[in-house]
Amino acid sequence: MASEHTIDSQIKKAKTCRKSVVLAGVTVFIAFLSIYLSVLFLVKGFNVSISPLDAQQEASISIHKGLGIVRNQTAYVLFGEAELQIEAKTFKSTSIQVNAQTPSNLLIELLPKPAVLRFTTDVESVQFDWLVDGDWKTRGNALEIELAPGSHEIIAKHEWYENTILNFDAVKASDDEVQLHPTKRVGTVTIASVPKGLPSA
């Protein structure tokens, strides 16, 4: 009888131990599930689309302020608040503030970097009036300017020289120096001379 009682006790003990293990497992699972759901609600993903296409191909996205990671142009932000920085080699960098109310799909348009240009003439001693696309910019022997990519008309003007006109295609993010070659005006100067003492006609 004592032997049977011992066996029963061991069986009960084993069942109790198994229940404890199962209960502990369930508790751990619930804890992990709670943590996962908490993190899931604390982290918000922002899918960033960039235009134009050549900007998208060279763009990089980083989280400038806030906590999170970036994977394949999607920013996962803790607490849903951060500042996203978008950079591209030949485009102007930009940043955007995001929070829990910001839409998950973002479309960012990057503007091309301007061309940095210096226009000079081979007549260094003369001060020219410089016009760009019809607008006066400065007076001097050189013009330093940033121009948006595209076609532009550059004019160097001086009363002793013919207008020097250059149609120039500015390339984004370029840095160039261009020299113009003004031509002196050709004309006839008439001088009316009256002998001293005689009335003029």
C-alpha atoms as a PDB file:
ATOM      1  CA  MET A   1       0.000   0.000   0.000  1.00  0.00           C
ATOM      2  CA  ALA A   2       2.825   2.392   0.845  1.00  0.00           C
ATOM      3  CA  SER A   3       4.349   1.713  -2.540  1.00  0.00           C
ATOM      4  CA  GLU A   4       1.073   2.524  -4.316  1.00  0.00           C
ATOM      5  CA  HIS A   5       0.696   5.734  -2.286  1.00  0.00           C
ATOM      6  CA  THR A   6       4.225   6.795  -3.266  1.00  0.00           C
ATOM      7  CA  ILE A   7       3.502   6.179  -6.950  1.00  0.00           C
ATOM      8  CA  ASP A   8       0.271   8.196  -6.746  1.00  0.00           C
ATOM      9  CA  SER A   9       2.128  11.047  -5.092  1.00  0.00           C
ATOM     10  CA  GLN A  10       4.767  11.028  -7.789  1.00  0.00           C
ATOM     11  CA  ILE A  11       2.107  11.039 -10.523  1.00  0.00           C
ATOM     12  CA  LYS A  12       0.294  13.958  -8.893  1.00  0.00           C
ATOM     13  CA  LYS A  13       3.585  15.778  -8.521  1.00  0.00           C
ATOM     14  CA  ALA A  14       4.434  15.215 -12.192  1.00  0.00           C
ATOM     15  CA  LYS A  15       1.000  16.474 -13.299  1.00  0.00           C
ATOM     16  CA  THR A  16       1.364  19.558 -11.134  1.00  0.00           C
ATOM     17  CA  CYS A  17       4.841  20.189 -12.519  1.00  0.00           C
ATOM     18  CA  ARG A  18       3.559  19.796 -16.092  1.00  0.00           C
ATOM     19  CA  LYS A  19       0.754  22.273 -15.408  1.00  0.00           C
ATOM     20  CA  SER A  20       3.281  24.727 -13.994  1.00  0.00           C
ATOM     21  CA  VAL A  21       5.482  24.391 -17.077  1.00  0.00           C
ATOM     22  CA  VAL A  22       2.535  24.879 -19.420  1.00  0.00           C
ATOM     23  CA  LEU A  23       1.316  27.848 -17.374  1.00  0.00           C
ATOM     24  CA  ALA A  24       4.823  29.363 -17.406  1.00  0.00           C
ATOM     25  CA  GLY A  25       5.006  28.856 -21.184  1.00  0.00           C
ATOM     26  CA  VAL A  26       1.651  30.530 -21.709  1.00  0.00           C
ATOM     27  CA  THR A  27       2.704  33.403 -19.452  1.00  0.00           C
ATOM     28  CA  VAL A  28       5.948  33.902 -21.407  1.00  0.00           C
ATOM     29  CA  PHE A  29       4.050  33.752 -24.725  1.00  0.00           C
ATOM     30  CA  ILE A  30       1.536  36.336 -23.543  1.00  0.00           C
ATOM     31  CA  ALA A  31       4.362  38.566 -22.343  1.00  0.00           C
ATOM     32  CA  PHE A  32       6.174  38.353 -25.702  1.00  0.00           C
ATOM     33  CA  LEU A  33       2.898  38.947 -27.549  1.00  0.00           C
ATOM     34  CA  SER A  34       2.207  42.017 -25.413  1.00  0.00           C
ATOM     35  CA  ILE A  35       5.702  43.379 -26.110  1.00  0.00           C
ATOM     36  CA  TYR A  36       5.320  42.697 -29.855  1.00  0.00           C
ATOM     37  CA  LEU A  37       1.940  44.431 -30.001  1.00  0.00           C
ATOM     38  CA  SER A  38       3.270  47.349 -27.991  1.00  0.00           C
ATOM     39  CA  VAL A  39       6.215  47.763 -30.334  1.00  0.00           C
ATOM     40  CA  LEU A  40       3.924  47.326 -33.324  1.00  0.00           C
ATOM     41  CA  PHE A  41       1.776  50.219 -32.186  1.00  0.00           C
ATOM     42  CA  LEU A  42       4.774  52.336 -31.176  1.00  0.00           C
ATOM     43  CA  VAL A  43       6.557  51.956 -34.530  1.00  0.00           C
ATOM     44  CA  LYS A  44       5.146  53.536 -37.683  1.00  0.00           C
ATOM     45  CA  GLY A  45       6.443  52.883 -41.182  1.00  0.00           C
ATOM     46  CA  PHE A  46       6.721  55.623 -43.827  1.00  0.00           C
ATOM     47  CA  ASN A  47       7.095  54.555 -47.438  1.00  0.00           C
ATOM     48  CA  VAL A  48       9.070  57.324 -49.176  1.00  0.00           C
ATOM     49  CA  SER A  49       8.737  57.763 -52.952  1.00  0.00           C
ATOM     50  CA  ILE A  50      11.109  60.248 -54.570  1.00  0.00           C
ATOM     51  CA  SER A  51      10.792  62.103 -57.853  1.00  0.00           C
ATOM     52  CA  PRO A  52      12.100  62.700 -60.450  1.00  0.00           C
ATOM     53  CA  LEU A  53      13.329  59.228 -61.371  1.00  0.00           C
ATOM     54  CA  ASP A  54      17.035  60.142 -61.572  1.00  0.00           C
ATOM     55  CA  ALA A  55      16.784  61.659 -58.088  1.00  0.00           C
ATOM     56  CA  GLN A  56      15.254  58.439 -56.760  1.00  0.00           C
ATOM     57  CA  GLN A  57      18.097  56.412 -58.230  1.00  0.00           C
ATOM     58  CA  GLU A  58      20.774  58.345 -56.329  1.00  0.00           C
ATOM     59  CA  ALA A  59      18.828  59.355 -53.206  1.00  0.00           C
ATOM     60  CA  SER A  60      19.502  58.186 -49.666  1.00  0.00           C
ATOM     61  CA  ILE A  61      17.132  58.464 -46.707  1.00  0.00           C
ATOM     62  CA  SER A  62      18.249  58.835 -43.115  1.00  0.00           C
ATOM     63  CA  ILE A  63      16.584  59.560 -39.805  1.00  0.00           C
ATOM     64  CA  HIS A  64      18.019  62.894 -38.710  1.00  0.00           C
ATOM     65  CA  LYS A  65      16.061  63.335 -35.481  1.00  0.00           C
ATOM     66  CA  GLY A  66      14.239  60.553 -33.677  1.00  0.00           C
ATOM     67  CA  LEU A  67      14.691  56.795 -33.378  1.00  0.00           C
ATOM     68  CA  GLY A  68      14.215  54.225 -36.112  1.00  0.00           C
ATOM     69  CA  ILE A  69      15.712  52.463 -39.097  1.00  0.00           C
ATOM     70  CA  VAL A  70      15.468  52.747 -42.881  1.00  0.00           C
ATOM     71  CA  ARG A  71      15.013  49.690 -45.106  1.00  0.00           C
ATOM     72  CA  ASN A  72      14.414  49.855 -48.881  1.00  0.00           C
ATOM     73  CA  GLN A  73      13.117  53.438 -48.839  1.00  0.00           C
ATOM     74  CA  THR A  74      10.801  52.729 -45.914  1.00  0.00           C
ATOM     75  CA  ALA A  75      11.524  54.479 -42.625  1.00  0.00           C
ATOM     76  CA  TYR A  76      10.377  52.676 -39.472  1.00  0.00           C
ATOM     77  CA  VAL A  77      10.094  55.295 -36.750  1.00  0.00           C
ATOM     78  CA  LEU A  78       9.702  54.660 -33.032  1.00  0.00           C
ATOM     79  CA  PHE A  79       6.758  56.585 -31.561  1.00  0.00           C
ATOM     80  CA  GLY A  80       6.010  57.775 -35.125  1.00  0.00           C
ATOM     81  CA  GLU A  81       7.910  61.059 -34.666  1.00  0.00           C
ATOM     82  CA  ALA A  82      11.143  61.942 -36.457  1.00  0.00           C
ATOM     83  CA  GLU A  83      12.810  64.143 -39.062  1.00  0.00           C
ATOM     84  CA  LEU A  84      13.636  62.337 -42.295  1.00  0.00           C
ATOM     85  CA  GLN A  85      16.586  63.620 -44.329  1.00  0.00           C
ATOM     86  CA  ILE A  86      16.632  62.942 -48.093  1.00  0.00           C
ATOM     87  CA  GLU A  87      19.878  63.553 -49.977  1.00  0.00           C
ATOM     88  CA  ALA A  88      21.017  63.052 -53.576  1.00  0.00           C
ATOM     89  CA  LYS A  89      24.321  63.964 -55.196  1.00  0.00           C
ATOM     90  CA  THR A  90      23.033  66.329 -57.894  1.00  0.00           C
ATOM     91  CA  PHE A  91      19.858  67.464 -56.120  1.00  0.00           C
ATOM     92  CA  LYS A  92      19.160  69.767 -53.214  1.00  0.00           C
ATOM     93  CA  SER A  93      18.791  67.986 -49.887  1.00  0.00           C
ATOM     94  CA  THR A  94      15.493  68.259 -48.076  1.00  0.00           C
ATOM     95  CA  SER A  95      13.993  67.168 -44.769  1.00  0.00           C
ATOM     96  CA  ILE A  96      10.483  66.417 -43.598  1.00  0.00           C
ATOM     97  CA  GLN A  97       8.955  66.142 -40.138  1.00  0.00           C
ATOM     98  CA  VAL A  98       6.755  63.072 -39.609  1.00  0.00           C
ATOM     99  CA  ASN A  99       4.499  62.073 -36.743  1.00  0.00           C
ATOM    100  CA  ALA A 100       1.661  59.674 -35.994  1.00  0.00           C
ATOM    101  CA  GLN A 101      -0.779  61.759 -38.068  1.00  0.00           C
ATOM    102  CA  THR A 102       1.470  61.893 -41.145  1.00  0.00           C
ATOM    103  CA  PRO A 103       0.282  59.656 -44.021  1.00  0.00           C
ATOM    104  CA  SER A 104       2.275  56.445 -44.381  1.00  0.00           C
ATOM    105  CA  ASN A 105       2.956  57.041 -48.091  1.00  0.00           C
ATOM    106  CA  LEU A 106       5.096  60.104 -48.779  1.00  0.00           C
ATOM    107  CA  LEU A 107       5.966  61.617 -52.162  1.00  0.00           C
ATOM    108  CA  ILE A 108       9.046  63.851 -52.067  1.00  0.00           C
ATOM    109  CA  GLU A 109      10.128  65.934 -55.074  1.00  0.00           C
ATOM    110  CA  LEU A 110      13.781  66.948 -55.073  1.00  0.00           C
ATOM    111  CA  LEU A 111      14.954  70.065 -56.899  1.00  0.00           C
ATOM    112  CA  PRO A 112      18.161  69.898 -58.948  1.00  0.00           C
ATOM    113  CA  LYS A 113      21.222  71.704 -57.651  1.00  0.00           C
ATOM    114  CA  PRO A 114      21.999  74.864 -59.657  1.00  0.00           C
ATOM    115  CA  ALA A 115      24.989  75.257 -61.916  1.00  0.00           C
ATOM    116  CA  VAL A 116      27.720  77.449 -60.400  1.00  0.00           C
ATOM    117  CA  LEU A 117      29.095  79.588 -63.248  1.00  0.00           C
ATOM    118  CA  ARG A 118      31.678  82.313 -63.809  1.00  0.00           C
ATOM    119  CA  PHE A 119      31.547  84.323 -67.037  1.00  0.00           C
ATOM    120  CA  THR A 120      34.551  86.459 -67.971  1.00  0.00           C
ATOM    121  CA  THR A 121      35.799  88.379 -71.023  1.00  0.00           C
ATOM    122  CA  ASP A 122      39.212  88.670 -72.624  1.00  0.00           C
ATOM    123  CA  VAL A 123      39.033  92.450 -72.034  1.00  0.00           C
ATOM    124  CA  GLU A 124      39.826  92.575 -68.319  1.00  0.00           C
ATOM    125  CA  SER A 125      40.142  96.361 -68.131  1.00  0.00           C
ATOM    126  CA  VAL A 126      36.551  97.033 -69.265  1.00  0.00           C
ATOM    127  CA  GLN A 127      33.511  96.941 -66.964  1.00  0.00           C
ATOM    128  CA  PHE A 128      30.609  95.281 -68.779  1.00  0.00           C
ATOM    129  CA  ASP A 129      26.926  95.254 -67.913  1.00  0.00           C
ATOM    130  CA  TRP A 130      25.871  91.618 -67.506  1.00  0.00           C
ATOM    131  CA  LEU A 131      22.339  90.485 -68.299  1.00  0.00           C
ATOM    132  CA  VAL A 132      20.898  87.001 -67.785  1.00  0.00           C
ATOM    133  CA  ASP A 133      17.686  86.130 -69.603  1.00  0.00           C
ATOM    134  CA  GLY A 134      17.045  89.838 -70.115  1.00  0.00           C
ATOM    135  CA  ASP A 135      17.581  90.843 -66.476  1.00  0.00           C
ATOM    136  CA  TRP A 136      20.498  93.048 -65.455  1.00  0.00           C
ATOM    137  CA  LYS A 137      22.686  91.336 -62.841  1.00  0.00           C
ATOM    138  CA  THR A 138      25.862  93.340 -62.288  1.00  0.00           C
ATOM    139  CA  ARG A 139      28.526  95.599 -63.776  1.00  0.00           C
ATOM    140  CA  GLY A 140      32.113  94.390 -63.842  1.00  0.00           C
ATOM    141  CA  ASN A 141      34.694  92.388 -65.743  1.00  0.00           C
ATOM    142  CA  ALA A 142      33.125  89.079 -64.651  1.00  0.00           C
ATOM    143  CA  LEU A 143      29.806  87.559 -63.629  1.00  0.00           C
ATOM    144  CA  GLU A 144      29.571  84.864 -60.979  1.00  0.00           C
ATOM    145  CA  ILE A 145      26.113  83.338 -60.680  1.00  0.00           C
ATOM    146  CA  GLU A 146      24.105  80.216 -59.874  1.00  0.00           C
ATOM    147  CA  LEU A 147      21.692  79.206 -62.624  1.00  0.00           C
ATOM    148  CA  ALA A 148      18.920  76.645 -62.694  1.00  0.00           C
ATOM    149  CA  PRO A 149      19.528  73.792 -65.130  1.00  0.00           C
ATOM    150  CA  GLY A 150      18.377  74.633 -68.639  1.00  0.00           C
ATOM    151  CA  SER A 151      18.962  77.172 -71.405  1.00  0.00           C
ATOM    152  CA  HIS A 152      19.931  80.748 -70.582  1.00  0.00           C
ATOM    153  CA  GLU A 153      20.928  83.854 -72.542  1.00  0.00           C
ATOM    154  CA  ILE A 154      23.995  85.687 -71.257  1.00  0.00           C
ATOM    155  CA  ILE A 155      24.725  89.202 -72.588  1.00  0.00           C
ATOM    156  CA  ALA A 156      27.781  91.371 -71.925  1.00  0.00           C
ATOM    157  CA  LYS A 157      27.131  95.038 -72.879  1.00  0.00           C
ATOM    158  CA  HIS A 158      29.402  98.073 -73.190  1.00  0.00           C
ATOM    159  CA  GLU A 159      29.104 101.219 -75.287  1.00  0.00           C
ATOM    160  CA  TRP A 160      32.494 100.625 -76.934  1.00  0.00           C
ATOM    161  CA  TYR A 161      31.725  96.998 -77.832  1.00  0.00           C
ATOM    162  CA  GLU A 162      29.114  95.092 -79.740  1.00  0.00           C
ATOM    163  CA  ASN A 163      26.704  93.234 -77.498  1.00  0.00           C
ATOM    164  CA  THR A 164      28.230  89.836 -76.803  1.00  0.00           C
ATOM    165  CA  ILE A 165      25.456  87.232 -76.617  1.00  0.00           C
ATOM    166  CA  LEU A 166      25.918  83.666 -75.431  1.00  0.00           C
ATOM    167  CA  ASN A 167      23.183  81.019 -75.371  1.00  0.00           C
ATOM    168  CA  PHE A 168      24.274  78.688 -72.602  1.00  0.00           C
ATOM    169  CA  ASP A 169      22.906  75.349 -71.363  1.00  0.00           C
ATOM    170  CA  ALA A 170      23.423  75.065 -67.612  1.00  0.00           C
ATOM    171  CA  VAL A 171      23.924  71.539 -66.288  1.00  0.00           C
ATOM    172  CA  LYS A 172      22.723  70.725 -62.775  1.00  0.00           C
ATOM    173  CA  ALA A 173      25.399  70.685 -60.069  1.00  0.00           C
ATOM    174  CA  SER A 174      28.102  71.740 -62.556  1.00  0.00           C
ATOM    175  CA  ASP A 175      30.911  74.206 -61.849  1.00  0.00           C
ATOM    176  CA  ASP A 176      32.208  75.967 -64.968  1.00  0.00           C
ATOM    177  CA  GLU A 177      34.023  79.066 -66.183  1.00  0.00           C
ATOM    178  CA  VAL A 178      33.218  80.493 -69.611  1.00  0.00           C
ATOM    179  CA  GLN A 179      35.100  83.279 -71.409  1.00  0.00           C
ATOM    180  CA  LEU A 180      33.404  85.657 -73.849  1.00  0.00           C
ATOM    181  CA  HIS A 181      35.200  87.548 -76.616  1.00  0.00           C
ATOM    182  CA  PRO A 182      33.641  91.006 -77.134  1.00  0.00           C
ATOM    183  CA  THR A 183      34.219  92.799 -80.454  1.00  0.00           C
ATOM    184  CA  LYS A 184      34.887  96.537 -80.570  1.00  0.00           C
ATOM    185  CA  ARG A 185      32.331  98.679 -82.333  1.00  0.00           C
ATOM    186  CA  VAL A 186      33.364  99.889 -85.795  1.00  0.00           C
ATOM    187  CA  GLY A 187      32.053 103.262 -87.015  1.00  0.00           C
ATOM    188  CA  THR A 188      32.827 106.689 -88.453  1.00  0.00           C
ATOM    189  CA  VAL A 189      33.358 109.704 -86.258  1.00  0.00           C
ATOM    190  CA  THR A 190      32.579 113.111 -87.912  1.00  0.00           C
ATOM    191  CA  ILE A 191      34.190 116.223 -86.457  1.00  0.00           C
ATOM    192  CA  ALA A 192      32.911 119.644 -87.495  1.00  0.00           C
ATOM    193  CA  SER A 193      35.790 122.170 -87.362  1.00  0.00           C
ATOM    194  CA  VAL A 194      35.302 125.936 -87.697  1.00  0.00           C
ATOM    195  CA  PRO A 195      38.327 128.282 -88.242  1.00  0.00           C
ATOM    196  CA  LYS A 196      38.942 130.629 -85.328  1.00  0.00           C
ATOM    197  CA  GLY A 197      37.257 133.992 -85.748  1.00  0.00           C
ATOM    198  CA  LEU A 198      34.681 132.805 -88.258  1.00  0.00           C
ATOM    199  CA  PRO A 199      31.057 132.369 -87.308  1.00  0.00           C
ATOM    200  CA  SER A 200      29.771 128.882 -87.371  1.00  0.00           C
ATOM    201  CA  ALA A 201      27.256 127.945 -90.015  1.00  0.00           C
END
